[in-house]
Amino acid sequence: MTDNQMQDKPYFCPNCRSNRVKFNVVTTYSQSFMKDAITGSVTVQEDPLQIAEPEPNIQCRVCGFTGNELRFVKQAEREPRQNTNPGQGL
């Protein structure tokens, strides 16, 4: 997992408003490299380093919408999932 932990709260895609379960966390990396000025071939390539972000970016795997985590959490709070199994929670 990344340094910026995701919240342990339900998500709901604010775009398609159908997905509550399938998501990607999107991270950003920086990778240094050097090229030969004549041939253009890569001569040195460093390992990629993850760029620290204040809040994770989440992508809906249904519609592809990407936004900050808070948008997905707030949408789930506005439209909470109703328990459809009457035997649960008794």
PDB file of N, CA and C in Angstrom:
ATOM      1  N   MET A   1       0.843  -1.193   0.000  1.00  0.00           N
ATOM      2  CA  MET A   1       0.000   0.000   0.000  1.00  0.00           C
ATOM      3  C   MET A   1       0.875   1.238   0.000  1.00  0.00           C
ATOM      4  N   THR A   2       0.314   2.340  -0.314  1.00  0.00           N
ATOM      5  CA  THR A   2       1.060   3.583  -0.416  1.00  0.00           C
ATOM      6  C   THR A   2       1.168   4.256   0.933  1.00  0.00           C
ATOM      7  N   ASP A   3       1.987   5.310   1.011  1.00  0.00           N
ATOM      8  CA  ASP A   3       2.139   6.079   2.237  1.00  0.00           C
ATOM      9  C   ASP A   3       0.833   6.758   2.623  1.00  0.00           C
ATOM     10  N   ASN A   4       0.070   7.197   1.657  1.00  0.00           N
ATOM     11  CA  ASN A   4      -1.192   7.872   1.945  1.00  0.00           C
ATOM     12  C   ASN A   4      -2.295   6.826   1.980  1.00  0.00           C
ATOM     13  N   GLN A   5      -2.653   6.411   3.187  1.00  0.00           N
ATOM     14  CA  GLN A   5      -3.638   5.359   3.381  1.00  0.00           C
ATOM     15  C   GLN A   5      -5.028   5.814   2.971  1.00  0.00           C
ATOM     16  N   MET A   6      -5.760   4.903   2.378  1.00  0.00           N
ATOM     17  CA  MET A   6      -7.135   5.185   1.989  1.00  0.00           C
ATOM     18  C   MET A   6      -8.025   5.062   3.222  1.00  0.00           C
ATOM     19  N   GLN A   7      -9.102   5.825   3.238  1.00  0.00           N
ATOM     20  CA  GLN A   7     -10.040   5.781   4.352  1.00  0.00           C
ATOM     21  C   GLN A   7     -10.817   4.465   4.342  1.00  0.00           C
ATOM     22  N   ASP A   8     -11.137   3.979   5.520  1.00  0.00           N
ATOM     23  CA  ASP A   8     -11.918   2.761   5.663  1.00  0.00           C
ATOM     24  C   ASP A   8     -13.395   3.138   5.712  1.00  0.00           C
ATOM     25  N   LYS A   9     -13.876   3.708   4.599  1.00  0.00           N
ATOM     26  CA  LYS A   9     -15.261   4.162   4.477  1.00  0.00           C
ATOM     27  C   LYS A   9     -15.791   3.727   3.115  1.00  0.00           C
ATOM     28  N   PRO A  10     -17.120   3.589   2.998  1.00  0.00           N
ATOM     29  CA  PRO A  10     -17.689   3.210   1.698  1.00  0.00           C
ATOM     30  C   PRO A  10     -17.437   4.277   0.635  1.00  0.00           C
ATOM     31  N   TYR A  11     -17.325   3.818  -0.608  1.00  0.00           N
ATOM     32  CA  TYR A  11     -17.210   4.693  -1.772  1.00  0.00           C
ATOM     33  C   TYR A  11     -18.475   4.541  -2.616  1.00  0.00           C
ATOM     34  N   PHE A  12     -18.775   5.568  -3.391  1.00  0.00           N
ATOM     35  CA  PHE A  12     -19.834   5.512  -4.397  1.00  0.00           C
ATOM     36  C   PHE A  12     -19.391   6.454  -5.505  1.00  0.00           C
ATOM     37  N   CYS A  13     -19.312   5.957  -6.738  1.00  0.00           N
ATOM     38  CA  CYS A  13     -18.818   6.786  -7.839  1.00  0.00           C
ATOM     39  C   CYS A  13     -19.756   7.968  -8.073  1.00  0.00           C
ATOM     40  N   PRO A  14     -19.230   9.208  -7.989  1.00  0.00           N
ATOM     41  CA  PRO A  14     -20.069  10.385  -8.204  1.00  0.00           C
ATOM     42  C   PRO A  14     -20.414  10.617  -9.677  1.00  0.00           C
ATOM     43  N   ASN A  15     -19.784   9.873 -10.572  1.00  0.00           N
ATOM     44  CA  ASN A  15     -20.029  10.052 -12.002  1.00  0.00           C
ATOM     45  C   ASN A  15     -21.113   9.097 -12.512  1.00  0.00           C
ATOM     46  N   CYS A  16     -20.855   7.793 -12.454  1.00  0.00           N
ATOM     47  CA  CYS A  16     -21.827   6.830 -12.996  1.00  0.00           C
ATOM     48  C   CYS A  16     -22.910   6.473 -11.983  1.00  0.00           C
ATOM     49  N   ARG A  17     -22.635   6.691 -10.723  1.00  0.00           N
ATOM     50  CA  ARG A  17     -23.577   6.436  -9.633  1.00  0.00           C
ATOM     51  C   ARG A  17     -24.153   5.026  -9.680  1.00  0.00           C
ATOM     52  N   SER A  18     -23.294   4.074 -10.067  1.00  0.00           N
ATOM     53  CA  SER A  18     -23.713   2.671 -10.035  1.00  0.00           C
ATOM     54  C   SER A  18     -22.685   1.795  -9.335  1.00  0.00           C
ATOM     55  N   ASN A  19     -21.451   2.260  -9.219  1.00  0.00           N
ATOM     56  CA  ASN A  19     -20.373   1.446  -8.670  1.00  0.00           C
ATOM     57  C   ASN A  19     -20.100   1.791  -7.208  1.00  0.00           C
ATOM     58  N   ARG A  20     -20.120   0.755  -6.370  1.00  0.00           N
ATOM     59  CA  ARG A  20     -19.766   0.899  -4.962  1.00  0.00           C
ATOM     60  C   ARG A  20     -18.639  -0.042  -4.552  1.00  0.00           C
ATOM     61  N   VAL A  21     -18.146  -0.870  -5.470  1.00  0.00           N
ATOM     62  CA  VAL A  21     -17.209  -1.918  -5.061  1.00  0.00           C
ATOM     63  C   VAL A  21     -15.915  -2.026  -5.876  1.00  0.00           C
ATOM     64  N   LYS A  22     -15.869  -1.577  -7.120  1.00  0.00           N
ATOM     65  CA  LYS A  22     -14.693  -1.801  -7.971  1.00  0.00           C
ATOM     66  C   LYS A  22     -13.974  -0.485  -8.262  1.00  0.00           C
ATOM     67  N   PHE A  23     -12.758  -0.351  -7.690  1.00  0.00           N
ATOM     68  CA  PHE A  23     -11.994   0.888  -7.817  1.00  0.00           C
ATOM     69  C   PHE A  23     -10.509   0.596  -7.983  1.00  0.00           C
ATOM     70  N   ASN A  24      -9.780   1.566  -8.492  1.00  0.00           N
ATOM     71  CA  ASN A  24      -8.316   1.560  -8.538  1.00  0.00           C
ATOM     72  C   ASN A  24      -7.813   2.746  -7.731  1.00  0.00           C
ATOM     73  N   VAL A  25      -6.681   2.580  -7.062  1.00  0.00           N
ATOM     74  CA  VAL A  25      -6.002   3.730  -6.475  1.00  0.00           C
ATOM     75  C   VAL A  25      -4.923   4.123  -7.484  1.00  0.00           C
ATOM     76  N   VAL A  26      -4.868   5.415  -7.827  1.00  0.00           N
ATOM     77  CA  VAL A  26      -3.961   5.909  -8.855  1.00  0.00           C
ATOM     78  C   VAL A  26      -2.803   6.625  -8.163  1.00  0.00           C
ATOM     79  N   THR A  27      -1.590   6.196  -8.452  1.00  0.00           N
ATOM     80  CA  THR A  27      -0.412   6.812  -7.855  1.00  0.00           C
ATOM     81  C   THR A  27       0.466   7.417  -8.947  1.00  0.00           C
ATOM     82  N   THR A  28       1.319   8.354  -8.551  1.00  0.00           N
ATOM     83  CA  THR A  28       2.205   9.043  -9.477  1.00  0.00           C
ATOM     84  C   THR A  28       3.652   8.691  -9.145  1.00  0.00           C
ATOM     85  N   TYR A  29       4.428   8.417 -10.178  1.00  0.00           N
ATOM     86  CA  TYR A  29       5.837   8.076 -10.015  1.00  0.00           C
ATOM     87  C   TYR A  29       6.701   9.009 -10.841  1.00  0.00           C
ATOM     88  N   SER A  30       7.934   9.185 -10.382  1.00  0.00           N
ATOM     89  CA  SER A  30       8.941   9.938 -11.120  1.00  0.00           C
ATOM     90  C   SER A  30      10.118   9.004 -11.363  1.00  0.00           C
ATOM     91  N   GLN A  31      10.631   8.998 -12.588  1.00  0.00           N
ATOM     92  CA  GLN A  31      11.756   8.133 -12.914  1.00  0.00           C
ATOM     93  C   GLN A  31      12.796   8.931 -13.694  1.00  0.00           C
ATOM     94  N   SER A  32      13.992   9.029 -13.137  1.00  0.00           N
ATOM     95  CA  SER A  32      15.083   9.762 -13.782  1.00  0.00           C
ATOM     96  C   SER A  32      15.778   8.874 -14.801  1.00  0.00           C
ATOM     97  N   PHE A  33      16.192   9.493 -15.910  1.00  0.00           N
ATOM     98  CA  PHE A  33      16.966   8.767 -16.909  1.00  0.00           C
ATOM     99  C   PHE A  33      17.827   9.744 -17.689  1.00  0.00           C
ATOM    100  N   MET A  34      18.842   9.220 -18.368  1.00  0.00           N
ATOM    101  CA  MET A  34      19.708  10.019 -19.244  1.00  0.00           C
ATOM    102  C   MET A  34      19.722   9.352 -20.611  1.00  0.00           C
ATOM    103  N   LYS A  35      19.827  10.201 -21.663  1.00  0.00           N
ATOM    104  CA  LYS A  35      19.846   9.702 -23.040  1.00  0.00           C
ATOM    105  C   LYS A  35      21.140  10.101 -23.727  1.00  0.00           C
ATOM    106  N   ASP A  36      21.524   9.300 -24.667  1.00  0.00           N
ATOM    107  CA  ASP A  36      22.645   9.646 -25.530  1.00  0.00           C
ATOM    108  C   ASP A  36      22.164  10.746 -26.470  1.00  0.00           C
ATOM    109  N   ALA A  37      22.916  11.843 -26.548  1.00  0.00           N
ATOM    110  CA  ALA A  37      22.500  13.007 -27.324  1.00  0.00           C
ATOM    111  C   ALA A  37      22.456  12.730 -28.825  1.00  0.00           C
ATOM    112  N   ILE A  38      23.187  11.744 -29.310  1.00  0.00           N
ATOM    113  CA  ILE A  38      23.247  11.475 -30.744  1.00  0.00           C
ATOM    114  C   ILE A  38      22.265  10.371 -31.152  1.00  0.00           C
ATOM    115  N   THR A  39      22.290   9.252 -30.430  1.00  0.00           N
ATOM    116  CA  THR A  39      21.451   8.117 -30.819  1.00  0.00           C
ATOM    117  C   THR A  39      20.051   8.180 -30.206  1.00  0.00           C
ATOM    118  N   GLY A  40      19.920   8.863 -29.086  1.00  0.00           N
ATOM    119  CA  GLY A  40      18.633   8.931 -28.400  1.00  0.00           C
ATOM    120  C   GLY A  40      18.356   7.741 -27.513  1.00  0.00           C
ATOM    121  N   SER A  41      19.302   6.809 -27.426  1.00  0.00           N
ATOM    122  CA  SER A  41      19.073   5.637 -26.576  1.00  0.00           C
ATOM    123  C   SER A  41      19.266   6.008 -25.105  1.00  0.00           C
ATOM    124  N   VAL A  42      18.547   5.316 -24.254  1.00  0.00           N
ATOM    125  CA  VAL A  42      18.647   5.541 -22.811  1.00  0.00           C
ATOM    126  C   VAL A  42      19.944   4.924 -22.320  1.00  0.00           C
ATOM    127  N   THR A  43      20.763   5.749 -21.637  1.00  0.00           N
ATOM    128  CA  THR A  43      22.054   5.271 -21.147  1.00  0.00           C
ATOM    129  C   THR A  43      22.037   4.963 -19.655  1.00  0.00           C
ATOM    130  N   VAL A  44      21.237   5.686 -18.886  1.00  0.00           N
ATOM    131  CA  VAL A  44      21.111   5.462 -17.449  1.00  0.00           C
ATOM    132  C   VAL A  44      19.635   5.597 -17.095  1.00  0.00           C
ATOM    133  N   GLN A  45      19.152   4.670 -16.267  1.00  0.00           N
ATOM    134  CA  GLN A  45      17.762   4.743 -15.835  1.00  0.00           C
ATOM    135  C   GLN A  45      17.691   4.356 -14.365  1.00  0.00           C
ATOM    136  N   GLU A  46      17.154   5.257 -13.554  1.00  0.00           N
ATOM    137  CA  GLU A  46      17.013   5.029 -12.117  1.00  0.00           C
ATOM    138  C   GLU A  46      15.700   4.294 -11.832  1.00  0.00           C
ATOM    139  N   ASP A  47      15.609   3.743 -10.638  1.00  0.00           N
ATOM    140  CA  ASP A  47      14.358   3.126 -10.209  1.00  0.00           C
ATOM    141  C   ASP A  47      13.305   4.207 -10.011  1.00  0.00           C
ATOM    142  N   PRO A  48      12.052   3.906 -10.315  1.00  0.00           N
ATOM    143  CA  PRO A  48      10.994   4.907 -10.109  1.00  0.00           C
ATOM    144  C   PRO A  48      10.771   5.176  -8.627  1.00  0.00           C
ATOM    145  N   LEU A  49      10.453   6.431  -8.319  1.00  0.00           N
ATOM    146  CA  LEU A  49      10.146   6.847  -6.954  1.00  0.00           C
ATOM    147  C   LEU A  49       8.711   7.347  -6.916  1.00  0.00           C
ATOM    148  N   GLN A  50       7.969   6.897  -5.907  1.00  0.00           N
ATOM    149  CA  GLN A  50       6.586   7.350  -5.780  1.00  0.00           C
ATOM    150  C   GLN A  50       6.566   8.777  -5.252  1.00  0.00           C
ATOM    151  N   ILE A  51       5.718   9.613  -5.851  1.00  0.00           N
ATOM    152  CA  ILE A  51       5.549  10.998  -5.421  1.00  0.00           C
ATOM    153  C   ILE A  51       4.463  11.020  -4.349  1.00  0.00           C
ATOM    154  N   ALA A  52       4.796  11.573  -3.187  1.00  0.00           N
ATOM    155  CA  ALA A  52       3.842  11.646  -2.083  1.00  0.00           C
ATOM    156  C   ALA A  52       2.712  12.608  -2.441  1.00  0.00           C
ATOM    157  N   GLU A  53       1.489  12.160  -2.205  1.00  0.00           N
ATOM    158  CA  GLU A  53       0.318  12.987  -2.475  1.00  0.00           C
ATOM    159  C   GLU A  53      -0.480  13.119  -1.182  1.00  0.00           C
ATOM    160  N   PRO A  54      -1.109  14.273  -0.945  1.00  0.00           N
ATOM    161  CA  PRO A  54      -1.828  14.470   0.319  1.00  0.00           C
ATOM    162  C   PRO A  54      -3.063  13.579   0.459  1.00  0.00           C
ATOM    163  N   GLU A  55      -3.664  13.192  -0.659  1.00  0.00           N
ATOM    164  CA  GLU A  55      -4.868  12.368  -0.631  1.00  0.00           C
ATOM    165  C   GLU A  55      -4.839  11.444  -1.839  1.00  0.00           C
ATOM    166  N   PRO A  56      -5.233  10.178  -1.669  1.00  0.00           N
ATOM    167  CA  PRO A  56      -5.213   9.263  -2.810  1.00  0.00           C
ATOM    168  C   PRO A  56      -6.204   9.679  -3.891  1.00  0.00           C
ATOM    169  N   ASN A  57      -5.841   9.409  -5.138  1.00  0.00           N
ATOM    170  CA  ASN A  57      -6.772   9.561  -6.249  1.00  0.00           C
ATOM    171  C   ASN A  57      -7.377   8.193  -6.517  1.00  0.00           C
ATOM    172  N   ILE A  58      -8.687   8.173  -6.708  1.00  0.00           N
ATOM    173  CA  ILE A  58      -9.420   6.929  -6.901  1.00  0.00           C
ATOM    174  C   ILE A  58     -10.016   6.935  -8.299  1.00  0.00           C
ATOM    175  N   GLN A  59     -10.004   5.766  -8.936  1.00  0.00           N
ATOM    176  CA  GLN A  59     -10.606   5.617 -10.263  1.00  0.00           C
ATOM    177  C   GLN A  59     -11.699   4.561 -10.199  1.00  0.00           C
ATOM    178  N   CYS A  60     -12.855   4.895 -10.750  1.00  0.00           N
ATOM    179  CA  CYS A  60     -13.967   3.955 -10.858  1.00  0.00           C
ATOM    180  C   CYS A  60     -13.645   2.963 -11.970  1.00  0.00           C
ATOM    181  N   ARG A  61     -13.722   1.674 -11.680  1.00  0.00           N
ATOM    182  CA  ARG A  61     -13.437   0.667 -12.688  1.00  0.00           C
ATOM    183  C   ARG A  61     -14.647   0.382 -13.578  1.00  0.00           C
ATOM    184  N   VAL A  62     -15.762   1.037 -13.342  1.00  0.00           N
ATOM    185  CA  VAL A  62     -16.926   0.882 -14.211  1.00  0.00           C
ATOM    186  C   VAL A  62     -16.912   1.935 -15.312  1.00  0.00           C
ATOM    187  N   CYS A  63     -16.781   3.220 -14.920  1.00  0.00           N
ATOM    188  CA  CYS A  63     -16.861   4.296 -15.927  1.00  0.00           C
ATOM    189  C   CYS A  63     -15.524   4.983 -16.199  1.00  0.00           C
ATOM    190  N   GLY A  64     -14.501   4.730 -15.371  1.00  0.00           N
ATOM    191  CA  GLY A  64     -13.186   5.316 -15.598  1.00  0.00           C
ATOM    192  C   GLY A  64     -12.977   6.678 -14.960  1.00  0.00           C
ATOM    193  N   PHE A  65     -13.998   7.232 -14.303  1.00  0.00           N
ATOM    194  CA  PHE A  65     -13.861   8.543 -13.652  1.00  0.00           C
ATOM    195  C   PHE A  65     -12.782   8.483 -12.578  1.00  0.00           C
ATOM    196  N   THR A  66     -11.933   9.507 -12.542  1.00  0.00           N
ATOM    197  CA  THR A  66     -10.881   9.601 -11.539  1.00  0.00           C
ATOM    198  C   THR A  66     -11.024  10.909 -10.780  1.00  0.00           C
ATOM    199  N   GLY A  67     -10.937  10.836  -9.463  1.00  0.00           N
ATOM    200  CA  GLY A  67     -11.036  12.025  -8.622  1.00  0.00           C
ATOM    201  C   GLY A  67     -10.435  11.748  -7.261  1.00  0.00           C
ATOM    202  N   ASN A  68     -10.378  12.784  -6.419  1.00  0.00           N
ATOM    203  CA  ASN A  68      -9.813  12.558  -5.100  1.00  0.00           C
ATOM    204  C   ASN A  68     -10.767  11.709  -4.262  1.00  0.00           C
ATOM    205  N   GLU A  69     -10.198  11.035  -3.283  1.00  0.00           N
ATOM    206  CA  GLU A  69     -10.949  10.075  -2.487  1.00  0.00           C
ATOM    207  C   GLU A  69     -12.168  10.694  -1.811  1.00  0.00           C
ATOM    208  N   LEU A  70     -12.050  11.920  -1.365  1.00  0.00           N
ATOM    209  CA  LEU A  70     -13.139  12.570  -0.644  1.00  0.00           C
ATOM    210  C   LEU A  70     -14.427  12.645  -1.479  1.00  0.00           C
ATOM    211  N   ARG A  71     -14.303  12.822  -2.792  1.00  0.00           N
ATOM    212  CA  ARG A  71     -15.497  12.874  -3.656  1.00  0.00           C
ATOM    213  C   ARG A  71     -16.269  11.559  -3.597  1.00  0.00           C
ATOM    214  N   PHE A  72     -15.545  10.440  -3.611  1.00  0.00           N
ATOM    215  CA  PHE A  72     -16.181   9.128  -3.563  1.00  0.00           C
ATOM    216  C   PHE A  72     -16.811   8.874  -2.188  1.00  0.00           C
ATOM    217  N   VAL A  73     -16.119   9.289  -1.122  1.00  0.00           N
ATOM    218  CA  VAL A  73     -16.629   9.117   0.236  1.00  0.00           C
ATOM    219  C   VAL A  73     -17.874   9.974   0.445  1.00  0.00           C
ATOM    220  N   LYS A  74     -17.833  11.237   0.033  1.00  0.00           N
ATOM    221  CA  LYS A  74     -18.971  12.152   0.218  1.00  0.00           C
ATOM    222  C   LYS A  74     -20.193  11.680  -0.566  1.00  0.00           C
ATOM    223  N   GLN A  75     -19.974  11.136  -1.769  1.00  0.00           N
ATOM    224  CA  GLN A  75     -21.107  10.631  -2.550  1.00  0.00           C
ATOM    225  C   GLN A  75     -21.757   9.451  -1.834  1.00  0.00           C
ATOM    226  N   ALA A  76     -20.943   8.582  -1.235  1.00  0.00           N
ATOM    227  CA  ALA A  76     -21.486   7.447  -0.485  1.00  0.00           C
ATOM    228  C   ALA A  76     -22.247   7.920   0.754  1.00  0.00           C
ATOM    229  N   GLU A  77     -21.791   9.008   1.378  1.00  0.00           N
ATOM    230  CA  GLU A  77     -22.499   9.553   2.544  1.00  0.00           C
ATOM    231  C   GLU A  77     -23.830  10.180   2.132  1.00  0.00           C
ATOM    232  N   ARG A  78     -23.863  10.829   0.957  1.00  0.00           N
ATOM    233  CA  ARG A  78     -25.103  11.442   0.468  1.00  0.00           C
ATOM    234  C   ARG A  78     -26.144  10.400   0.081  1.00  0.00           C
ATOM    235  N   GLU A  79     -25.664   9.270  -0.455  1.00  0.00           N
ATOM    236  CA  GLU A  79     -26.561   8.207  -0.898  1.00  0.00           C
ATOM    237  C   GLU A  79     -26.104   6.877  -0.295  1.00  0.00           C
ATOM    238  N   PRO A  80     -26.367   6.682   1.000  1.00  0.00           N
ATOM    239  CA  PRO A  80     -25.882   5.460   1.654  1.00  0.00           C
ATOM    240  C   PRO A  80     -26.555   4.203   1.105  1.00  0.00           C
ATOM    241  N   ARG A  81     -25.817   3.130   1.122  1.00  0.00           N
ATOM    242  CA  ARG A  81     -26.333   1.824   0.675  1.00  0.00           C
ATOM    243  C   ARG A  81     -27.313   1.307   1.723  1.00  0.00           C
ATOM    244  N   GLN A  82     -28.483   0.900   1.280  1.00  0.00           N
ATOM    245  CA  GLN A  82     -29.486   0.358   2.181  1.00  0.00           C
ATOM    246  C   GLN A  82     -29.290  -1.153   2.298  1.00  0.00           C
ATOM    247  N   ASN A  83     -29.436  -1.668   3.516  1.00  0.00           N
ATOM    248  CA  ASN A  83     -29.326  -3.098   3.752  1.00  0.00           C
ATOM    249  C   ASN A  83     -30.596  -3.768   3.216  1.00  0.00           C
ATOM    250  N   THR A  84     -30.445  -4.610   2.185  1.00  0.00           N
ATOM    251  CA  THR A  84     -31.616  -5.239   1.564  1.00  0.00           C
ATOM    252  C   THR A  84     -31.887  -6.614   2.146  1.00  0.00           C
ATOM    253  N   ASN A  85     -31.058  -7.080   3.070  1.00  0.00           N
ATOM    254  CA  ASN A  85     -31.255  -8.382   3.706  1.00  0.00           C
ATOM    255  C   ASN A  85     -31.893  -8.176   5.065  1.00  0.00           C
ATOM    256  N   PRO A  86     -33.208  -8.446   5.237  1.00  0.00           N
ATOM    257  CA  PRO A  86     -33.880  -8.127   6.489  1.00  0.00           C
ATOM    258  C   PRO A  86     -33.387  -8.957   7.673  1.00  0.00           C
ATOM    259  N   GLY A  87     -32.727 -10.086   7.426  1.00  0.00           N
ATOM    260  CA  GLY A  87     -32.204 -10.908   8.525  1.00  0.00           C
ATOM    261  C   GLY A  87     -30.949 -10.369   9.134  1.00  0.00           C
ATOM    262  N   GLN A  88     -30.287  -9.428   8.496  1.00  0.00           N
ATOM    263  CA  GLN A  88     -29.036  -8.862   8.981  1.00  0.00           C
ATOM    264  C   GLN A  88     -29.319  -7.741   9.979  1.00  0.00           C
ATOM    265  N   GLY A  89     -28.447  -7.577  10.929  1.00  0.00           N
ATOM    266  CA  GLY A  89     -28.507  -6.449  11.848  1.00  0.00           C
ATOM    267  C   GLY A  89     -29.493  -6.607  12.975  1.00  0.00           C
ATOM    268  N   LEU A  90     -30.023  -7.819  13.149  1.00  0.00           N
ATOM    269  CA  LEU A  90     -30.964  -8.033  14.257  1.00  0.00           C
ATOM    270  C   LEU A  90     -30.258  -8.453  15.505  1.00  0.00           C
TER     271      LEU A  90
END
